[in-house]
Amino acid sequence: MLICVVLLAAGARAAEAHTASFHVPSARELDAYVSREMRKRHIPGLSLAVVRDERVIKLKGYGLASVELGVPATPETVYQLASTTKIFTGAAVMLLAQEGRLSLDDPVTKLLPELPAAWSVVSVRHCLTHTSGLPDASLSDDTDEVIVLTNCQGAGPEDIVGGIATLYVPALADVK
């Protein structure tokens, strides 16, 4: 969700300069466009939020969230995105770095102070290059509980940070 907000904010700034020559479609035109593109690109379902001046002006689900079960998409549908968000995250972080709002060498604890102090050795750059030493994790489909997907289950952050980077990427272990 944070990724979408960051990208929308960045896109809004870029769009402001073009607003005078930009046609604002009606709700019906937007619905027709989304439906055409979904058919053309074989997209079974999507959830759309249109934000203008920091206000949500359209929130709607289109098509199916689950083709197998015939479940309609809604604005609240949670989609399995896997790795498709990586490029958006990288682009958003680089925009923030370009604007001077963060540095790739900032510790993640500067941006997220609620993280364990042991994670202060992990930088934004480590996260972007998958050299942070943090384990892969996922949410359980049944409980939304965080599941650690490495053989480090049961280890605390102080046991994990630094050790995995050395284990998996020895050449990058000393990269700061």
C-alpha atoms as a PDB file:
ATOM      1  CA  MET A   1       0.000   0.000   0.000  1.00  0.00           C
ATOM      2  CA  LEU A   2       2.845   2.403   0.850  1.00  0.00           C
ATOM      3  CA  ILE A   3       4.300   1.789  -2.605  1.00  0.00           C
ATOM      4  CA  CYS A   4       1.055   2.833  -4.271  1.00  0.00           C
ATOM      5  CA  VAL A   5       0.853   5.997  -2.164  1.00  0.00           C
ATOM      6  CA  VAL A   6       4.456   6.958  -2.967  1.00  0.00           C
ATOM      7  CA  LEU A   7       3.972   6.332  -6.680  1.00  0.00           C
ATOM      8  CA  LEU A   8       0.692   8.229  -6.770  1.00  0.00           C
ATOM      9  CA  ALA A   9       2.302  11.192  -5.013  1.00  0.00           C
ATOM     10  CA  ALA A  10       5.234  11.188  -7.441  1.00  0.00           C
ATOM     11  CA  GLY A  11       2.892  10.807 -10.399  1.00  0.00           C
ATOM     12  CA  ALA A  12       0.648  13.612  -9.155  1.00  0.00           C
ATOM     13  CA  ARG A  13       3.558  16.053  -9.090  1.00  0.00           C
ATOM     14  CA  ALA A  14       4.535  15.103 -12.624  1.00  0.00           C
ATOM     15  CA  ALA A  15       0.925  15.330 -13.822  1.00  0.00           C
ATOM     16  CA  GLU A  16       0.336  18.791 -12.346  1.00  0.00           C
ATOM     17  CA  ALA A  17       2.325  20.365 -15.165  1.00  0.00           C
ATOM     18  CA  HIS A  18       0.131  18.659 -17.773  1.00  0.00           C
ATOM     19  CA  THR A  19      -3.265  19.209 -16.144  1.00  0.00           C
ATOM     20  CA  ALA A  20      -4.238  22.117 -18.389  1.00  0.00           C
ATOM     21  CA  SER A  21      -4.042  19.979 -21.546  1.00  0.00           C
ATOM     22  CA  PHE A  22      -5.202  16.738 -19.909  1.00  0.00           C
ATOM     23  CA  HIS A  23      -8.754  15.466 -20.542  1.00  0.00           C
ATOM     24  CA  VAL A  24     -10.345  14.311 -17.285  1.00  0.00           C
ATOM     25  CA  PRO A  25     -12.582  11.368 -18.177  1.00  0.00           C
ATOM     26  CA  SER A  26     -16.038  10.913 -16.723  1.00  0.00           C
ATOM     27  CA  ALA A  27     -16.735   7.901 -14.500  1.00  0.00           C
ATOM     28  CA  ARG A  28     -18.475   6.203 -17.445  1.00  0.00           C
ATOM     29  CA  GLU A  29     -15.507   6.865 -19.777  1.00  0.00           C
ATOM     30  CA  LEU A  30     -13.097   5.497 -17.184  1.00  0.00           C
ATOM     31  CA  ASP A  31     -15.214   2.360 -16.640  1.00  0.00           C
ATOM     32  CA  ALA A  32     -15.391   1.794 -20.421  1.00  0.00           C
ATOM     33  CA  TYR A  33     -11.624   2.283 -20.776  1.00  0.00           C
ATOM     34  CA  VAL A  34     -10.819  -0.124 -17.929  1.00  0.00           C
ATOM     35  CA  SER A  35     -13.212  -2.735 -19.345  1.00  0.00           C
ATOM     36  CA  ARG A  36     -11.703  -2.428 -22.851  1.00  0.00           C
ATOM     37  CA  GLU A  37      -8.154  -2.756 -21.543  1.00  0.00           C
ATOM     38  CA  MET A  38      -9.080  -5.730 -19.364  1.00  0.00           C
ATOM     39  CA  ARG A  39     -10.569  -7.539 -22.373  1.00  0.00           C
ATOM     40  CA  LYS A  40      -7.681  -6.575 -24.666  1.00  0.00           C
ATOM     41  CA  ARG A  41      -5.005  -7.654 -22.164  1.00  0.00           C
ATOM     42  CA  HIS A  42      -6.902 -10.643 -20.736  1.00  0.00           C
ATOM     43  CA  ILE A  43      -6.925  -9.210 -17.205  1.00  0.00           C
ATOM     44  CA  PRO A  44      -9.423 -11.169 -15.097  1.00  0.00           C
ATOM     45  CA  GLY A  45      -9.781  -8.558 -12.354  1.00  0.00           C
ATOM     46  CA  LEU A  46      -8.363  -5.457 -10.758  1.00  0.00           C
ATOM     47  CA  SER A  47      -9.017  -2.921  -8.049  1.00  0.00           C
ATOM     48  CA  LEU A  48      -8.697   0.747  -8.929  1.00  0.00           C
ATOM     49  CA  ALA A  49      -8.210   3.877  -6.849  1.00  0.00           C
ATOM     50  CA  VAL A  50      -8.141   7.288  -8.494  1.00  0.00           C
ATOM     51  CA  VAL A  51      -6.678   9.991  -6.260  1.00  0.00           C
ATOM     52  CA  ARG A  52      -6.835  13.710  -7.004  1.00  0.00           C
ATOM     53  CA  ASP A  53      -5.646  16.443  -4.658  1.00  0.00           C
ATOM     54  CA  GLU A  54      -5.023  13.826  -1.949  1.00  0.00           C
ATOM     55  CA  ARG A  55      -8.664  12.673  -2.101  1.00  0.00           C
ATOM     56  CA  VAL A  56      -9.943   9.349  -3.390  1.00  0.00           C
ATOM     57  CA  ILE A  57     -12.400  10.221  -6.141  1.00  0.00           C
ATOM     58  CA  LYS A  58     -13.012   6.719  -7.476  1.00  0.00           C
ATOM     59  CA  LEU A  59     -12.645   3.357  -5.780  1.00  0.00           C
ATOM     60  CA  LYS A  60     -13.919   0.302  -7.614  1.00  0.00           C
ATOM     61  CA  GLY A  61     -13.276  -3.384  -8.280  1.00  0.00           C
ATOM     62  CA  TYR A  62     -13.557  -4.733 -11.831  1.00  0.00           C
ATOM     63  CA  GLY A  63     -13.895  -8.346 -12.955  1.00  0.00           C
ATOM     64  CA  LEU A  64     -12.946 -11.310 -10.808  1.00  0.00           C
ATOM     65  CA  ALA A  65     -10.531 -11.608  -7.900  1.00  0.00           C
ATOM     66  CA  SER A  66     -10.707 -15.408  -8.276  1.00  0.00           C
ATOM     67  CA  VAL A  67     -11.605 -16.844 -11.659  1.00  0.00           C
ATOM     68  CA  GLU A  68     -11.637 -20.344 -10.177  1.00  0.00           C
ATOM     69  CA  LEU A  69     -14.182 -19.460  -7.482  1.00  0.00           C
ATOM     70  CA  GLY A  70     -16.029 -16.697  -9.357  1.00  0.00           C
ATOM     71  CA  VAL A  71     -15.292 -14.161  -6.597  1.00  0.00           C
ATOM     72  CA  PRO A  72     -15.694 -10.553  -7.778  1.00  0.00           C
ATOM     73  CA  ALA A  73     -12.883  -8.030  -7.337  1.00  0.00           C
ATOM     74  CA  THR A  74     -13.632  -5.248  -4.850  1.00  0.00           C
ATOM     75  CA  PRO A  75     -11.692  -2.188  -3.713  1.00  0.00           C
ATOM     76  CA  GLU A  76     -10.640  -4.247  -0.675  1.00  0.00           C
ATOM     77  CA  THR A  77      -9.353  -7.263  -2.645  1.00  0.00           C
ATOM     78  CA  VAL A  78      -5.844  -8.342  -1.617  1.00  0.00           C
ATOM     79  CA  TYR A  79      -3.851  -9.656  -4.572  1.00  0.00           C
ATOM     80  CA  GLN A  80      -0.835 -11.985  -4.557  1.00  0.00           C
ATOM     81  CA  LEU A  81       1.754  -9.761  -6.238  1.00  0.00           C
ATOM     82  CA  ALA A  82       4.950 -11.706  -5.545  1.00  0.00           C
ATOM     83  CA  SER A  83       7.944 -10.018  -7.182  1.00  0.00           C
ATOM     84  CA  THR A  84       6.012  -7.630  -9.405  1.00  0.00           C
ATOM     85  CA  THR A  85       6.286  -4.870  -6.805  1.00  0.00           C
ATOM     86  CA  LYS A  86      10.089  -4.876  -6.797  1.00  0.00           C
ATOM     87  CA  ILE A  87      10.445  -2.568  -9.794  1.00  0.00           C
ATOM     88  CA  PHE A  88       7.902  -0.105  -8.384  1.00  0.00           C
ATOM     89  CA  THR A  89       9.581  -0.133  -4.988  1.00  0.00           C
ATOM     90  CA  GLY A  90      13.003   0.442  -6.546  1.00  0.00           C
ATOM     91  CA  ALA A  91      11.713   3.298  -8.710  1.00  0.00           C
ATOM     92  CA  ALA A  92       9.899   4.927  -5.776  1.00  0.00           C
ATOM     93  CA  VAL A  93      12.974   4.696  -3.533  1.00  0.00           C
ATOM     94  CA  MET A  94      15.188   6.165  -6.254  1.00  0.00           C
ATOM     95  CA  LEU A  95      12.744   9.080  -6.716  1.00  0.00           C
ATOM     96  CA  LEU A  96      12.873   9.743  -2.982  1.00  0.00           C
ATOM     97  CA  ALA A  97      16.688   9.568  -3.072  1.00  0.00           C
ATOM     98  CA  GLN A  98      16.788  11.935  -6.052  1.00  0.00           C
ATOM     99  CA  GLU A  99      14.609  14.408  -4.132  1.00  0.00           C
ATOM    100  CA  GLY A 100      16.972  14.144  -1.144  1.00  0.00           C
ATOM    101  CA  ARG A 101      14.257  12.706   1.102  1.00  0.00           C
ATOM    102  CA  LEU A 102      16.373   9.642   1.875  1.00  0.00           C
ATOM    103  CA  SER A 103      19.813   8.274   1.127  1.00  0.00           C
ATOM    104  CA  LEU A 104      20.519   4.761  -0.079  1.00  0.00           C
ATOM    105  CA  ASP A 105      23.014   4.564   2.785  1.00  0.00           C
ATOM    106  CA  ASP A 106      20.445   5.498   5.455  1.00  0.00           C
ATOM    107  CA  PRO A 107      19.900   2.768   8.024  1.00  0.00           C
ATOM    108  CA  VAL A 108      16.393   1.331   7.780  1.00  0.00           C
ATOM    109  CA  THR A 109      15.911   2.220  11.451  1.00  0.00           C
ATOM    110  CA  LYS A 110      16.116   5.918  10.493  1.00  0.00           C
ATOM    111  CA  LEU A 111      13.080   5.461   8.270  1.00  0.00           C
ATOM    112  CA  LEU A 112      11.303   2.929  10.486  1.00  0.00           C
ATOM    113  CA  PRO A 113      12.394   3.684  14.071  1.00  0.00           C
ATOM    114  CA  GLU A 114      10.140   0.948  15.482  1.00  0.00           C
ATOM    115  CA  LEU A 115      12.423  -1.734  14.004  1.00  0.00           C
ATOM    116  CA  PRO A 116      14.771  -3.570  16.384  1.00  0.00           C
ATOM    117  CA  ALA A 117      17.988  -1.651  17.151  1.00  0.00           C
ATOM    118  CA  ALA A 118      20.010  -4.633  15.868  1.00  0.00           C
ATOM    119  CA  TRP A 119      18.743  -3.818  12.387  1.00  0.00           C
ATOM    120  CA  SER A 120      20.510  -0.434  12.365  1.00  0.00           C
ATOM    121  CA  VAL A 121      23.335  -2.035  10.356  1.00  0.00           C
ATOM    122  CA  VAL A 122      20.911  -2.640   7.484  1.00  0.00           C
ATOM    123  CA  SER A 123      20.775   0.190   4.931  1.00  0.00           C
ATOM    124  CA  VAL A 124      18.196   1.053   2.289  1.00  0.00           C
ATOM    125  CA  ARG A 125      20.799  -0.068  -0.281  1.00  0.00           C
ATOM    126  CA  HIS A 126      21.027  -3.490   1.413  1.00  0.00           C
ATOM    127  CA  CYS A 127      17.265  -3.889   1.119  1.00  0.00           C
ATOM    128  CA  LEU A 128      17.223  -2.897  -2.553  1.00  0.00           C
ATOM    129  CA  THR A 129      20.074  -5.281  -3.416  1.00  0.00           C
ATOM    130  CA  HIS A 130      18.839  -8.192  -1.281  1.00  0.00           C
ATOM    131  CA  THR A 131      22.008  -8.131   0.831  1.00  0.00           C
ATOM    132  CA  SER A 132      20.415  -7.062   4.125  1.00  0.00           C
ATOM    133  CA  GLY A 133      20.809 -10.372   5.889  1.00  0.00           C
ATOM    134  CA  LEU A 134      17.102 -10.364   6.713  1.00  0.00           C
ATOM    135  CA  PRO A 135      15.257 -13.617   6.041  1.00  0.00           C
ATOM    136  CA  ASP A 136      12.594 -13.977   3.394  1.00  0.00           C
ATOM    137  CA  ALA A 137       9.161 -13.824   4.936  1.00  0.00           C
ATOM    138  CA  SER A 138       5.583 -14.211   3.834  1.00  0.00           C
ATOM    139  CA  LEU A 139       2.101 -13.972   5.304  1.00  0.00           C
ATOM    140  CA  SER A 140       0.219 -17.156   6.089  1.00  0.00           C
ATOM    141  CA  ASP A 141      -2.792 -17.581   3.796  1.00  0.00           C
ATOM    142  CA  ASP A 142      -4.842 -18.713   6.789  1.00  0.00           C
ATOM    143  CA  THR A 143      -3.862 -16.388   9.638  1.00  0.00           C
ATOM    144  CA  ASP A 144      -1.948 -13.399   8.171  1.00  0.00           C
ATOM    145  CA  GLU A 145       0.850 -14.397  10.558  1.00  0.00           C
ATOM    146  CA  VAL A 146       4.387 -13.638   9.335  1.00  0.00           C
ATOM    147  CA  ILE A 147       6.230 -16.810   8.333  1.00  0.00           C
ATOM    148  CA  VAL A 148      10.032 -16.796   8.027  1.00  0.00           C
ATOM    149  CA  LEU A 149      10.920 -18.733   4.874  1.00  0.00           C
ATOM    150  CA  THR A 150      14.556 -19.531   5.616  1.00  0.00           C
ATOM    151  CA  ASN A 151      16.159 -21.990   7.962  1.00  0.00           C
ATOM    152  CA  CYS A 152      16.507 -19.177  10.525  1.00  0.00           C
ATOM    153  CA  GLN A 153      13.161 -19.781  12.183  1.00  0.00           C
ATOM    154  CA  GLY A 154      13.333 -19.028  15.860  1.00  0.00           C
ATOM    155  CA  ALA A 155      16.308 -16.682  15.517  1.00  0.00           C
ATOM    156  CA  GLY A 156      15.973 -13.087  16.628  1.00  0.00           C
ATOM    157  CA  PRO A 157      17.017 -10.089  14.522  1.00  0.00           C
ATOM    158  CA  GLU A 158      20.350  -9.868  16.293  1.00  0.00           C
ATOM    159  CA  ASP A 159      21.063 -13.471  15.204  1.00  0.00           C
ATOM    160  CA  ILE A 160      19.972 -12.924  11.616  1.00  0.00           C
ATOM    161  CA  VAL A 161      21.304  -9.522  10.523  1.00  0.00           C
ATOM    162  CA  GLY A 162      24.768  -9.805   9.027  1.00  0.00           C
ATOM    163  CA  GLY A 163      24.984 -13.573   9.187  1.00  0.00           C
ATOM    164  CA  ILE A 164      22.847 -14.396   6.190  1.00  0.00           C
ATOM    165  CA  ALA A 165      24.549 -11.842   3.943  1.00  0.00           C
ATOM    166  CA  THR A 166      27.853 -13.528   4.783  1.00  0.00           C
ATOM    167  CA  LEU A 167      26.378 -16.969   4.222  1.00  0.00           C
ATOM    168  CA  TYR A 168      24.685 -16.303   0.876  1.00  0.00           C
ATOM    169  CA  VAL A 169      26.774 -13.513  -0.635  1.00  0.00           C
ATOM    170  CA  PRO A 170      30.312 -13.655   0.787  1.00  0.00           C
ATOM    171  CA  ALA A 171      31.632 -11.031  -1.659  1.00  0.00           C
ATOM    172  CA  LEU A 172      29.070  -8.519  -0.396  1.00  0.00           C
ATOM    173  CA  ALA A 173      29.422  -9.201   3.311  1.00  0.00           C
ATOM    174  CA  ASP A 174      31.711  -6.210   3.834  1.00  0.00           C
ATOM    175  CA  VAL A 175      29.764  -3.823   1.567  1.00  0.00           C
ATOM    176  CA  LYS A 176      28.656  -0.762   3.509  1.00  0.00           C
END
